[in-house]
C-alpha atoms as a PDB file:
ATOM      1  CA  MET A   1      -2.776  -0.412  46.047  1.00  0.00           C
ATOM      2  CA  SER A   2       0.032   1.938  44.706  1.00  0.00           C
ATOM      3  CA  PHE A   3      -1.107   5.070  42.952  1.00  0.00           C
ATOM      4  CA  PHE A   4       0.356   3.501  39.672  1.00  0.00           C
ATOM      5  CA  ASN A   5      -1.253   0.606  40.065  1.00  0.00           C
ATOM      6  CA  THR A   6      -4.618   2.398  40.525  1.00  0.00           C
ATOM      7  CA  GLU A   7      -4.216   4.600  37.590  1.00  0.00           C
ATOM      8  CA  LEU A   8      -3.463   1.559  35.501  1.00  0.00           C
ATOM      9  CA  ARG A   9      -6.384   0.083  36.568  1.00  0.00           C
ATOM     10  CA  ARG A  10      -8.654   3.237  35.572  1.00  0.00           C
ATOM     11  CA  LEU A  11      -7.212   3.329  32.227  1.00  0.00           C
ATOM     12  CA  PHE A  12      -8.565   0.101  31.319  1.00  0.00           C
ATOM     13  CA  LYS A  13     -11.738   0.547  33.249  1.00  0.00           C
ATOM     14  CA  ARG A  14     -12.437   3.415  31.084  1.00  0.00           C
ATOM     15  CA  ARG A  15     -15.178   2.885  28.592  1.00  0.00           C
ATOM     16  CA  LEU A  16     -13.449   4.520  25.666  1.00  0.00           C
ATOM     17  CA  THR A  17     -10.078   2.598  26.239  1.00  0.00           C
ATOM     18  CA  ARG A  18     -11.898  -0.570  25.838  1.00  0.00           C
ATOM     19  CA  VAL A  19     -14.187   0.484  23.120  1.00  0.00           C
ATOM     20  CA  THR A  20     -11.339   2.173  21.456  1.00  0.00           C
ATOM     21  CA  LEU A  21      -9.103  -1.068  21.729  1.00  0.00           C
ATOM     22  CA  ALA A  22     -12.207  -3.527  20.412  1.00  0.00           C
ATOM     23  CA  LEU A  23     -12.481  -1.307  17.579  1.00  0.00           C
ATOM     24  CA  VAL A  24      -8.944  -1.534  16.815  1.00  0.00           C
ATOM     25  CA  ALA A  25      -8.869  -5.425  17.333  1.00  0.00           C
ATOM     26  CA  LEU A  26     -11.989  -5.872  14.775  1.00  0.00           C
ATOM     27  CA  LEU A  27     -10.196  -3.693  12.252  1.00  0.00           C
ATOM     28  CA  LEU A  28      -6.819  -5.736  12.336  1.00  0.00           C
ATOM     29  CA  GLY A  29      -8.619  -9.106  12.653  1.00  0.00           C
ATOM     30  CA  GLY A  30     -10.746  -8.236   9.576  1.00  0.00           C
ATOM     31  CA  MET A  31      -7.809  -6.935   7.790  1.00  0.00           C
ATOM     32  CA  ALA A  32      -5.750 -10.305   8.473  1.00  0.00           C
ATOM     33  CA  ALA A  33      -8.938 -12.340   7.815  1.00  0.00           C
ATOM     34  CA  SER A  34      -9.527 -10.442   4.323  1.00  0.00           C
ATOM     35  CA  THR A  35      -5.457 -11.020   3.149  1.00  0.00           C
ATOM     36  CA  ALA A  36      -6.117 -14.714   4.389  1.00  0.00           C
ATOM     37  CA  PHE A  37      -8.894 -15.209   2.203  1.00  0.00           C
ATOM     38  CA  THR A  38      -7.892 -13.357  -1.195  1.00  0.00           C
ATOM     39  CA  SER A  39      -4.349 -14.896  -0.690  1.00  0.00           C
ATOM     40  CA  HIS A  40      -3.941 -18.104  -2.632  1.00  0.00           C
ATOM     41  CA  GLN A  41      -1.083 -20.081  -2.637  1.00  0.00           C
ATOM     42  CA  SER A  42       0.835 -20.993  -5.658  1.00  0.00           C
ATOM     43  CA  THR A  43       0.975 -24.631  -6.789  1.00  0.00           C
ATOM     44  CA  PRO A  44       2.512 -25.928 -10.148  1.00  0.00           C
ATOM     45  CA  GLU A  45      -0.731 -27.076 -11.226  1.00  0.00           C
ATOM     46  CA  GLY A  46      -2.029 -23.328 -10.769  1.00  0.00           C
ATOM     47  CA  ARG A  47       0.945 -22.098 -12.338  1.00  0.00           C
ATOM     48  CA  ALA A  48       0.375 -24.694 -15.391  1.00  0.00           C
ATOM     49  CA  ALA A  49      -3.422 -23.682 -15.809  1.00  0.00           C
ATOM     50  CA  ALA A  50      -2.755 -19.562 -15.730  1.00  0.00           C
ATOM     51  CA  GLU A  51       0.425 -20.262 -18.630  1.00  0.00           C
ATOM     52  CA  ALA A  52      -2.689 -22.296 -21.122  1.00  0.00           C
ATOM     53  CA  ALA A  53      -5.064 -19.592 -20.226  1.00  0.00           C
ATOM     54  CA  ALA A  54      -2.831 -16.928 -21.131  1.00  0.00           C
ATOM     55  CA  GLN A  55      -1.584 -18.544 -24.151  1.00  0.00           C
ATOM     56  CA  PRO A  56      -3.982 -17.027 -26.706  1.00  0.00           C
ATOM     57  CA  GLN A  57      -3.237 -13.733 -25.538  1.00  0.00           C
ATOM     58  CA  TYR A  58       0.391 -14.272 -26.045  1.00  0.00           C
ATOM     59  CA  GLN A  59       0.403 -15.958 -29.221  1.00  0.00           C
ATOM     60  CA  GLN A  60      -1.657 -13.140 -30.874  1.00  0.00           C
ATOM     61  CA  ALA A  61       0.931 -10.854 -29.404  1.00  0.00           C
ATOM     62  CA  VAL A  62       3.770 -13.118 -31.031  1.00  0.00           C
ATOM     63  CA  ARG A  63       1.843 -12.528 -34.372  1.00  0.00           C
ATOM     64  CA  ASP A  64       1.575  -8.796 -34.043  1.00  0.00           C
ATOM     65  CA  HIS A  65       5.026  -8.331 -32.974  1.00  0.00           C
ATOM     66  CA  GLU A  66       6.301 -10.440 -36.320  1.00  0.00           C
ATOM     67  CA  ARG A  67       4.074  -8.464 -38.392  1.00  0.00           C
ATOM     68  CA  SER A  68       5.234  -5.373 -36.813  1.00  0.00           C
ATOM     69  CA  ILE A  69       8.930  -6.581 -37.798  1.00  0.00           C
ATOM     70  CA  ALA A  70       7.908  -7.519 -41.404  1.00  0.00           C
ATOM     71  CA  ASP A  71       6.858  -4.129 -41.882  1.00  0.00           C
ATOM     72  CA  CYS A  72       9.625  -2.742 -40.491  1.00  0.00           C
ATOM     73  CA  GLU A  73      12.204  -4.663 -42.801  1.00  0.00           C
ATOM     74  CA  ALA A  74       9.583  -3.524 -45.480  1.00  0.00           C
ATOM     75  CA  ALA A  75      10.351   0.122 -44.747  1.00  0.00           C
ATOM     76  CA  GLU A  76      13.936  -0.425 -44.412  1.00  0.00           C
ATOM     77  CA  ALA A  77      14.355  -1.974 -47.930  1.00  0.00           C
ATOM     78  CA  ARG A  78      12.182   1.206 -49.237  1.00  0.00           C
ATOM     79  CA  GLY A  79      14.951   3.076 -48.074  1.00  0.00           C
ATOM     80  CA  GLU A  80      13.100   4.628 -44.732  1.00  0.00           C
ATOM     81  CA  ASN A  81      14.440   5.766 -41.534  1.00  0.00           C
ATOM     82  CA  THR A  82      12.521   3.176 -39.365  1.00  0.00           C
ATOM     83  CA  GLU A  83      14.237   3.577 -35.886  1.00  0.00           C
ATOM     84  CA  MET A  84      11.776   6.291 -34.905  1.00  0.00           C
ATOM     85  CA  ASN A  85       8.758   4.477 -35.682  1.00  0.00           C
ATOM     86  CA  TYR A  86      10.012   0.552 -35.087  1.00  0.00           C
ATOM     87  CA  GLY A  87      12.708   1.069 -32.656  1.00  0.00           C
ATOM     88  CA  PRO A  88      16.680   0.024 -33.055  1.00  0.00           C
ATOM     89  CA  ASP A  89      17.034  -3.291 -35.023  1.00  0.00           C
ATOM     90  CA  CYS A  90      13.185  -3.066 -35.688  1.00  0.00           C
ATOM     91  CA  GLY A  91      11.921  -3.727 -32.013  1.00  0.00           C
ATOM     92  CA  ARG A  92      13.172  -7.444 -31.949  1.00  0.00           C
ATOM     93  CA  GLU A  93      14.274  -7.388 -28.784  1.00  0.00           C
ATOM     94  CA  TRP A  94      11.021  -6.009 -27.336  1.00  0.00           C
ATOM     95  CA  GLY A  95       9.376  -9.199 -27.991  1.00  0.00           C
ATOM     96  CA  PRO A  96       6.335  -9.887 -25.900  1.00  0.00           C
ATOM     97  CA  GLN A  97       6.661 -12.370 -22.770  1.00  0.00           C
ATOM     98  CA  LEU A  98       4.303 -15.085 -21.600  1.00  0.00           C
ATOM     99  CA  GLU A  99       4.979 -13.781 -18.037  1.00  0.00           C
ATOM    100  CA  TRP A 100       3.099 -10.609 -19.182  1.00  0.00           C
ATOM    101  CA  TYR A 101      -0.034 -12.149 -19.804  1.00  0.00           C
ATOM    102  CA  VAL A 102      -0.080 -14.847 -16.920  1.00  0.00           C
ATOM    103  CA  GLN A 103      -2.797 -13.722 -14.528  1.00  0.00           C
ATOM    104  CA  GLN A 104      -2.299 -16.111 -11.339  1.00  0.00           C
ATOM    105  CA  PRO A 105      -4.548 -15.631  -8.221  1.00  0.00           C
ATOM    106  CA  TYR A 106      -3.245 -12.944  -5.197  1.00  0.00           C
ATOM    107  CA  GLU A 107      -0.446 -14.833  -3.177  1.00  0.00           C
ATOM    108  CA  PHE A 108       0.415 -12.679   0.163  1.00  0.00           C
ATOM    109  CA  ASP A 109       4.395 -12.447   0.052  1.00  0.00           C
ATOM    110  CA  PHE A 110       5.516 -12.270   3.886  1.00  0.00           C
ATOM    111  CA  ALA A 111       9.149 -10.602   3.157  1.00  0.00           C
ATOM    112  CA  GLY A 112       7.642  -8.023   0.464  1.00  0.00           C
ATOM    113  CA  GLU A 113       4.517  -6.802   2.035  1.00  0.00           C
ATOM    114  CA  PHE A 114       4.498  -7.299   5.912  1.00  0.00           C
ATOM    115  CA  GLY A 115       6.439  -4.089   6.044  1.00  0.00           C
ATOM    116  CA  GLY A 116       3.489  -2.227   4.585  1.00  0.00           C
ATOM    117  CA  ARG A 117       1.064  -3.871   6.747  1.00  0.00           C
ATOM    118  CA  LEU A 118       3.367  -3.250   9.761  1.00  0.00           C
ATOM    119  CA  MET A 119       2.658   0.374   8.944  1.00  0.00           C
ATOM    120  CA  GLY A 120      -0.680   0.043   8.888  1.00  0.00           C
ATOM    121  CA  LEU A 121      -1.097  -1.422  12.273  1.00  0.00           C
ATOM    122  CA  GLY A 122       1.670   1.245  13.864  1.00  0.00           C
ATOM    123  CA  LEU A 123      -0.685   4.034  11.853  1.00  0.00           C
ATOM    124  CA  LEU A 124      -3.777   2.851  13.615  1.00  0.00           C
ATOM    125  CA  LEU A 125      -2.654   2.285  16.674  1.00  0.00           C
ATOM    126  CA  VAL A 126      -1.104   5.928  16.891  1.00  0.00           C
ATOM    127  CA  LEU A 127      -4.537   7.502  16.182  1.00  0.00           C
ATOM    128  CA  ALA A 128      -5.777   4.850  19.023  1.00  0.00           C
ATOM    129  CA  ALA A 129      -3.282   6.284  21.283  1.00  0.00           C
ATOM    130  CA  VAL A 130      -3.869  10.063  20.365  1.00  0.00           C
ATOM    131  CA  LEU A 131      -7.630   9.501  21.396  1.00  0.00           C
ATOM    132  CA  ILE A 132      -7.026   7.583  24.744  1.00  0.00           C
ATOM    133  CA  GLY A 133      -3.886   9.766  25.885  1.00  0.00           C
ATOM    134  CA  ALA A 134      -5.887  12.540  25.323  1.00  0.00           C
ATOM    135  CA  SER A 135      -8.908  11.408  26.987  1.00  0.00           C
ATOM    136  CA  PHE A 136      -6.974  10.014  30.104  1.00  0.00           C
ATOM    137  CA  VAL A 137      -6.064  13.460  31.315  1.00  0.00           C
ATOM    138  CA  GLY A 138      -8.322  15.646  29.664  1.00  0.00           C
ATOM    139  CA  ALA A 139     -11.332  14.227  31.172  1.00  0.00           C
ATOM    140  CA  GLU A 140      -9.892  14.246  34.526  1.00  0.00           C
ATOM    141  CA  TRP A 141      -9.893  18.227  33.599  1.00  0.00           C
ATOM    142  CA  THR A 142     -13.151  18.410  32.550  1.00  0.00           C
ATOM    143  CA  SER A 143     -15.128  16.503  34.982  1.00  0.00           C
ATOM    144  CA  GLY A 144     -12.765  18.321  37.980  1.00  0.00           C
ATOM    145  CA  GLY A 145     -11.773  14.770  38.932  1.00  0.00           C
ATOM    146  CA  MET A 146      -7.753  16.451  38.618  1.00  0.00           C
ATOM    147  CA  MET A 147      -8.791  18.601  41.654  1.00  0.00           C
ATOM    148  CA  ASN A 148     -10.166  16.076  43.807  1.00  0.00           C
ATOM    149  CA  LEU A 149      -7.411  13.487  42.710  1.00  0.00           C
ATOM    150  CA  LEU A 150      -5.194  16.329  44.221  1.00  0.00           C
ATOM    151  CA  LEU A 151      -6.411  16.397  47.385  1.00  0.00           C
ATOM    152  CA  TRP A 152      -5.586  12.581  48.168  1.00  0.00           C
ATOM    153  CA  GLN A 153      -2.552  12.934  46.225  1.00  0.00           C
ATOM    154  CA  PRO A 154      -1.364  16.904  46.803  1.00  0.00           C
ATOM    155  CA  GLY A 155       2.002  16.753  44.255  1.00  0.00           C
ATOM    156  CA  ARG A 156       1.113  17.665  41.301  1.00  0.00           C
ATOM    157  CA  LEU A 157       3.950  16.721  39.350  1.00  0.00           C
ATOM    158  CA  LYS A 158       3.883  13.265  40.845  1.00  0.00           C
ATOM    159  CA  VAL A 159       0.279  12.961  39.895  1.00  0.00           C
ATOM    160  CA  LEU A 160       0.630  14.008  36.283  1.00  0.00           C
ATOM    161  CA  LEU A 161       4.220  11.807  36.004  1.00  0.00           C
ATOM    162  CA  THR A 162       2.304   8.938  37.448  1.00  0.00           C
ATOM    163  CA  LYS A 163      -1.160   9.223  35.020  1.00  0.00           C
ATOM    164  CA  LEU A 164       1.716   9.453  32.214  1.00  0.00           C
ATOM    165  CA  ALA A 165       3.719   6.582  33.349  1.00  0.00           C
ATOM    166  CA  ALA A 166       0.526   4.244  33.840  1.00  0.00           C
ATOM    167  CA  LEU A 167      -0.480   5.480  30.163  1.00  0.00           C
ATOM    168  CA  VAL A 168       2.772   4.759  28.589  1.00  0.00           C
ATOM    169  CA  THR A 169       2.930   1.215  30.334  1.00  0.00           C
ATOM    170  CA  GLY A 170      -0.479   0.566  29.213  1.00  0.00           C
ATOM    171  CA  LEU A 171      -0.070   1.015  25.780  1.00  0.00           C
ATOM    172  CA  PHE A 172       3.235  -0.420  25.636  1.00  0.00           C
ATOM    173  CA  GLY A 173       1.892  -3.680  26.415  1.00  0.00           C
ATOM    174  CA  VAL A 174      -1.180  -3.305  24.498  1.00  0.00           C
ATOM    175  CA  SER A 175       0.682  -2.437  21.663  1.00  0.00           C
ATOM    176  CA  VAL A 176       3.633  -5.348  21.786  1.00  0.00           C
ATOM    177  CA  LEU A 177       0.781  -7.790  22.180  1.00  0.00           C
ATOM    178  CA  LEU A 178      -1.209  -6.581  19.097  1.00  0.00           C
ATOM    179  CA  GLY A 179       2.220  -6.732  16.838  1.00  0.00           C
ATOM    180  CA  VAL A 180       3.108  -9.902  18.361  1.00  0.00           C
ATOM    181  CA  CYS A 181      -0.307 -11.477  17.345  1.00  0.00           C
ATOM    182  CA  TRP A 182      -0.266  -9.245  13.872  1.00  0.00           C
ATOM    183  CA  THR A 183       3.089 -10.709  13.304  1.00  0.00           C
ATOM    184  CA  VAL A 184       1.751 -14.538  13.924  1.00  0.00           C
ATOM    185  CA  ALA A 185      -1.054 -13.862  12.175  1.00  0.00           C
ATOM    186  CA  TYR A 186       0.666 -12.750   8.804  1.00  0.00           C
ATOM    187  CA  TRP A 187       3.643 -15.618   9.213  1.00  0.00           C
ATOM    188  CA  LEU A 188       0.492 -17.948   9.489  1.00  0.00           C
ATOM    189  CA  ILE A 189      -0.993 -16.823   6.363  1.00  0.00           C
ATOM    190  CA  GLY A 190       2.431 -16.727   4.566  1.00  0.00           C
ATOM    191  CA  THR A 191       2.987 -20.064   5.354  1.00  0.00           C
ATOM    192  CA  TYR A 192      -0.093 -21.860   4.586  1.00  0.00           C
ATOM    193  CA  ARG A 193      -2.059 -18.906   2.234  1.00  0.00           C
ATOM    194  CA  GLY A 194       1.074 -17.667   0.776  1.00  0.00           C
ATOM    195  CA  THR A 195       5.054 -17.732   0.378  1.00  0.00           C
ATOM    196  CA  MET A 196       7.258 -16.165   2.859  1.00  0.00           C
ATOM    197  CA  GLY A 197       9.859 -15.031   0.466  1.00  0.00           C
ATOM    198  CA  GLU A 198      13.546 -14.638   1.395  1.00  0.00           C
ATOM    199  CA  MET A 199      13.485 -14.320   5.283  1.00  0.00           C
ATOM    200  CA  THR A 200      16.471 -14.407   6.318  1.00  0.00           C
ATOM    201  CA  ALA A 201      18.222 -13.653   9.712  1.00  0.00           C
ATOM    202  CA  GLY A 202      18.818 -10.043   8.950  1.00  0.00           C
ATOM    203  CA  ALA A 203      15.317  -9.923   7.520  1.00  0.00           C
ATOM    204  CA  TRP A 204      13.491 -10.853  10.641  1.00  0.00           C
ATOM    205  CA  THR A 205      16.002  -8.708  12.667  1.00  0.00           C
ATOM    206  CA  SER A 206      15.094  -5.186  10.662  1.00  0.00           C
ATOM    207  CA  THR A 207      11.343  -6.818  11.149  1.00  0.00           C
ATOM    208  CA  GLY A 208      11.662  -6.561  14.893  1.00  0.00           C
ATOM    209  CA  LEU A 209      13.689  -3.172  14.762  1.00  0.00           C
ATOM    210  CA  THR A 210      11.112  -1.550  12.458  1.00  0.00           C
ATOM    211  CA  GLY A 211       8.425  -3.466  15.313  1.00  0.00           C
ATOM    212  CA  LEU A 212      10.223  -1.199  18.294  1.00  0.00           C
ATOM    213  CA  ARG A 213      10.086   2.126  16.126  1.00  0.00           C
ATOM    214  CA  THR A 214       6.620   1.823  15.693  1.00  0.00           C
ATOM    215  CA  VAL A 215       5.624   0.807  19.222  1.00  0.00           C
ATOM    216  CA  GLY A 216       8.234   4.270  20.146  1.00  0.00           C
ATOM    217  CA  LEU A 217       6.040   6.183  17.589  1.00  0.00           C
ATOM    218  CA  ILE A 218       2.725   5.128  19.239  1.00  0.00           C
ATOM    219  CA  LEU A 219       4.212   5.933  22.623  1.00  0.00           C
ATOM    220  CA  ALA A 220       5.344   9.419  21.706  1.00  0.00           C
ATOM    221  CA  ALA A 221       2.185   9.944  20.255  1.00  0.00           C
ATOM    222  CA  ALA A 222       0.507   9.351  23.223  1.00  0.00           C
ATOM    223  CA  VAL A 223       2.827  11.245  25.298  1.00  0.00           C
ATOM    224  CA  VAL A 224       2.122  14.399  22.940  1.00  0.00           C
ATOM    225  CA  ALA A 225      -1.510  13.924  23.562  1.00  0.00           C
ATOM    226  CA  PHE A 226      -1.503  13.731  26.889  1.00  0.00           C
ATOM    227  CA  GLY A 227       0.621  16.537  27.230  1.00  0.00           C
ATOM    228  CA  LEU A 228      -1.904  18.907  25.025  1.00  0.00           C
ATOM    229  CA  ALA A 229      -4.777  17.817  26.948  1.00  0.00           C
ATOM    230  CA  SER A 230      -3.094  18.776  30.179  1.00  0.00           C
ATOM    231  CA  LEU A 231      -2.035  22.161  28.686  1.00  0.00           C
ATOM    232  CA  GLY A 232      -5.913  22.957  27.315  1.00  0.00           C
ATOM    233  CA  ARG A 233      -7.905  20.882  30.296  1.00  0.00           C
ATOM    234  CA  HIS A 234      -9.845  19.325  27.655  1.00  0.00           C
ATOM    235  CA  THR A 235      -9.822  16.280  25.394  1.00  0.00           C
ATOM    236  CA  ALA A 236     -11.020  17.976  22.270  1.00  0.00           C
ATOM    237  CA  LEU A 237      -8.484  20.737  22.330  1.00  0.00           C
ATOM    238  CA  ALA A 238      -5.650  18.461  22.120  1.00  0.00           C
ATOM    239  CA  LEU A 239      -7.531  16.329  19.702  1.00  0.00           C
ATOM    240  CA  GLY A 240      -8.090  19.959  17.565  1.00  0.00           C
ATOM    241  CA  GLY A 241      -4.916  21.039  18.003  1.00  0.00           C
ATOM    242  CA  LEU A 242      -3.011  17.756  16.578  1.00  0.00           C
ATOM    243  CA  VAL A 243      -5.365  17.787  13.554  1.00  0.00           C
ATOM    244  CA  GLY A 244      -5.150  21.602  12.881  1.00  0.00           C
ATOM    245  CA  ILE A 245      -1.258  21.187  13.371  1.00  0.00           C
ATOM    246  CA  PHE A 246      -0.635  18.604  11.076  1.00  0.00           C
ATOM    247  CA  VAL A 247      -3.523  20.240   8.495  1.00  0.00           C
ATOM    248  CA  ILE A 248      -1.303  23.429   8.613  1.00  0.00           C
ATOM    249  CA  ASN A 249       1.999  21.660   8.099  1.00  0.00           C
ATOM    250  CA  GLU A 250       0.518  19.562   5.123  1.00  0.00           C
ATOM    251  CA  VAL A 251      -1.663  22.228   3.267  1.00  0.00           C
ATOM    252  CA  ALA A 252      -0.273  25.765   4.042  1.00  0.00           C
ATOM    253  CA  VAL A 253       3.457  25.067   5.196  1.00  0.00           C
ATOM    254  CA  LEU A 254       4.315  22.628   2.103  1.00  0.00           C
ATOM    255  CA  PRO A 255       3.210  24.930  -0.579  1.00  0.00           C
ATOM    256  CA  LEU A 256       4.511  28.218   1.113  1.00  0.00           C
ATOM    257  CA  LEU A 257       7.944  26.686   1.298  1.00  0.00           C
ATOM    258  CA  ARG A 258       7.752  25.265  -2.399  1.00  0.00           C
ATOM    259  CA  VAL A 259       6.661  29.008  -3.465  1.00  0.00           C
ATOM    260  CA  LEU A 260       9.611  30.646  -1.479  1.00  0.00           C
ATOM    261  CA  GLY A 261      12.023  27.793  -2.929  1.00  0.00           C
ATOM    262  CA  THR A 262      13.140  26.617  -0.192  1.00  0.00           C
ATOM    263  CA  SER A 263      15.713  23.290  -0.823  1.00  0.00           C
ATOM    264  CA  PHE A 264      13.578  20.225  -0.301  1.00  0.00           C
ATOM    265  CA  PRO A 265      10.437  21.419   1.304  1.00  0.00           C
ATOM    266  CA  ASP A 266       9.109  17.850   1.718  1.00  0.00           C
ATOM    267  CA  ARG A 267      11.417  17.427   4.892  1.00  0.00           C
ATOM    268  CA  PHE A 268       9.625  19.725   6.756  1.00  0.00           C
ATOM    269  CA  THR A 269       6.440  17.619   6.658  1.00  0.00           C
ATOM    270  CA  PHE A 270       5.069  14.811   8.987  1.00  0.00           C
ATOM    271  CA  THR A 271       4.473  12.817   6.078  1.00  0.00           C
ATOM    272  CA  ALA A 272       7.931  12.489   4.962  1.00  0.00           C
ATOM    273  CA  HIS A 273       9.138  11.652   8.603  1.00  0.00           C
ATOM    274  CA  LEU A 274       6.417   9.180   9.300  1.00  0.00           C
ATOM    275  CA  MET A 275       7.712   7.402   5.927  1.00  0.00           C
ATOM    276  CA  ALA A 276      11.271   7.798   6.705  1.00  0.00           C
ATOM    277  CA  TRP A 277      10.323   6.415  10.214  1.00  0.00           C
ATOM    278  CA  PHE A 278       9.021   3.330   9.196  1.00  0.00           C
ATOM    279  CA  GLU A 279      11.223   2.892   6.048  1.00  0.00           C
ATOM    280  CA  ARG A 280      14.475   3.361   7.647  1.00  0.00           C
ATOM    281  CA  GLU A 281      15.069   6.236   4.961  1.00  0.00           C
ATOM    282  CA  LEU A 282      13.389   8.293   2.664  1.00  0.00           C
ATOM    283  CA  PRO A 283      14.972   9.791  -0.782  1.00  0.00           C
ATOM    284  CA  LEU A 284      13.713  13.292  -1.191  1.00  0.00           C
ATOM    285  CA  PHE A 285      14.050  15.157  -4.552  1.00  0.00           C
ATOM    286  CA  ASP A 286      14.510  18.867  -5.169  1.00  0.00           C
ATOM    287  CA  TYR A 287      12.893  19.620  -8.263  1.00  0.00           C
ATOM    288  CA  VAL A 288      13.174  23.706  -7.683  1.00  0.00           C
ATOM    289  CA  ASN A 289      16.493  23.999  -7.343  1.00  0.00           C
ATOM    290  CA  CYS A 290      17.570  21.203  -9.747  1.00  0.00           C
ATOM    291  CA  THR A 291      20.485  21.129 -11.966  1.00  0.00           C
ATOM    292  CA  MET A 292      20.590  21.175 -15.843  1.00  0.00           C
ATOM    293  CA  VAL A 293      22.455  18.722 -17.554  1.00  0.00           C
ATOM    294  CA  GLN A 294      22.582  18.302 -21.437  1.00  0.00           C
ATOM    295  CA  GLY A 295      19.161  20.469 -21.260  1.00  0.00           C
ATOM    296  CA  GLU A 296      17.312  18.112 -18.775  1.00  0.00           C
ATOM    297  CA  CYS A 297      16.531  19.386 -15.154  1.00  0.00           C
ATOM    298  CA  VAL A 298      18.272  16.892 -12.913  1.00  0.00           C
ATOM    299  CA  PRO A 299      17.133  17.207  -9.411  1.00  0.00           C
ATOM    300  CA  ALA A 300      18.999  17.210  -6.232  1.00  0.00           C
ATOM    301  CA  GLU A 301      18.700  14.302  -3.665  1.00  0.00           C
ATOM    302  CA  MET A 302      19.005  13.447   0.088  1.00  0.00           C
ATOM    303  CA  VAL A 303      18.003  11.035   2.401  1.00  0.00           C
ATOM    304  CA  LEU A 304      15.741  11.260   5.026  1.00  0.00           C
ATOM    305  CA  THR A 305      16.652   8.877   7.666  1.00  0.00           C
ATOM    306  CA  TRP A 306      15.031   7.575  10.513  1.00  0.00           C
ATOM    307  CA  GLN A 307      17.126   9.017  12.852  1.00  0.00           C
ATOM    308  CA  ASP A 308      16.685  12.322  11.377  1.00  0.00           C
ATOM    309  CA  SER A 309      12.894  11.436  12.140  1.00  0.00           C
ATOM    310  CA  GLY A 310      13.362  10.307  15.600  1.00  0.00           C
ATOM    311  CA  LEU A 311      15.315  13.327  16.472  1.00  0.00           C
ATOM    312  CA  VAL A 312      12.178  15.510  15.295  1.00  0.00           C
ATOM    313  CA  PHE A 313       9.614  13.153  17.138  1.00  0.00           C
ATOM    314  CA  ALA A 314      11.826  13.486  20.580  1.00  0.00           C
ATOM    315  CA  ILE A 315      12.049  16.941  20.422  1.00  0.00           C
ATOM    316  CA  GLY A 316       8.436  17.703  19.897  1.00  0.00           C
ATOM    317  CA  THR A 317       7.412  15.233  22.282  1.00  0.00           C
ATOM    318  CA  LEU A 318       9.808  16.603  24.862  1.00  0.00           C
ATOM    319  CA  LEU A 319       8.833  20.472  24.312  1.00  0.00           C
ATOM    320  CA  VAL A 320       4.888  19.243  24.662  1.00  0.00           C
ATOM    321  CA  LEU A 321       5.671  17.733  28.109  1.00  0.00           C
ATOM    322  CA  GLY A 322       7.969  20.205  29.456  1.00  0.00           C
ATOM    323  CA  ALA A 323       5.175  22.288  28.678  1.00  0.00           C
ATOM    324  CA  ALA A 324       2.465  20.348  30.379  1.00  0.00           C
ATOM    325  CA  LEU A 325       4.558  19.539  33.327  1.00  0.00           C
ATOM    326  CA  TRP A 326       5.748  23.589  33.802  1.00  0.00           C
ATOM    327  CA  ALA A 327       1.497  24.742  33.527  1.00  0.00           C
ATOM    328  CA  MET A 328       0.668  22.052  36.193  1.00  0.00           C
ATOM    329  CA  ARG A 329       3.567  23.088  38.257  1.00  0.00           C
ATOM    330  CA  ARG A 330       2.605  26.909  38.085  1.00  0.00           C
ATOM    331  CA  ARG A 331      -1.025  27.278  36.752  1.00  0.00           C
ATOM    332  CA  ASP A 332      -4.347  27.594  39.242  1.00  0.00           C
ATOM    333  CA  ILE A 333      -5.789  24.340  39.466  1.00  0.00           C
ATOM    334  CA  ALA A 334      -9.064  25.375  40.486  1.00  0.00           C
END
């Protein structure tokens, strides 16, 4: 059996990997089941019943609106300026609409909501990939297994890269499998318990591309966690380092940049790049360096694209991986 196959088997034989993936599957199943249970497909009968139930509130709102118009007309007859209190034309165009009072049961809309569900899947798998990736190599260093492994496979970089390849391959397969199951589950919910909305060929293509970006982020997170654990030779150091970097970036760096008057400080945060990566683009507004137009502060605007975020993620991943490979080659293993 090849070294790669051995590492791939070892990845899925580890208790932490199995428990983590089982918990992820349970959480995803619970989320899908909750959506299926709470979603109710709209029917003409249900719509008619909801409109009938909303009629008393609607009729009362109509009477209140007519009374307001009558009061406005009386005030105009007395020569008062009514525009400030009642609006132009006594607010006639602001009359109530029946749709405002119709309360229908929740109906899952695949076209409108699946993007957010896909983001939730991605973030959950990113956390799982960080934990699995860090422990996969961190446990080897902590237990001394790395030294024993190098007695059998003396090539340091070959050992580390083979373990990384097994990790990436395994997580790629798991991510694709769960992504397909997630999509099918919500397609079934949209078809039989909700609505599919306007899912054109272009919409399906966009969904597929979002799925590919999601898989890429999951693998990048696993590589970064793997690299940090190899550098620190401990799982906890990698996990603590990632949490520390995220907290410092969001809690300390962002407020400091705002105090310094940096243009578009949000573009330096992980949260903004994550949103841009999933949503394809994220508009940012600079309220610090705004432009005064007729006494109003109009913020400058820039668009953070998924290409921008991808470049940031790629550079960070390559830097961590490069440092891990350099340390593996240069440092004392014992």
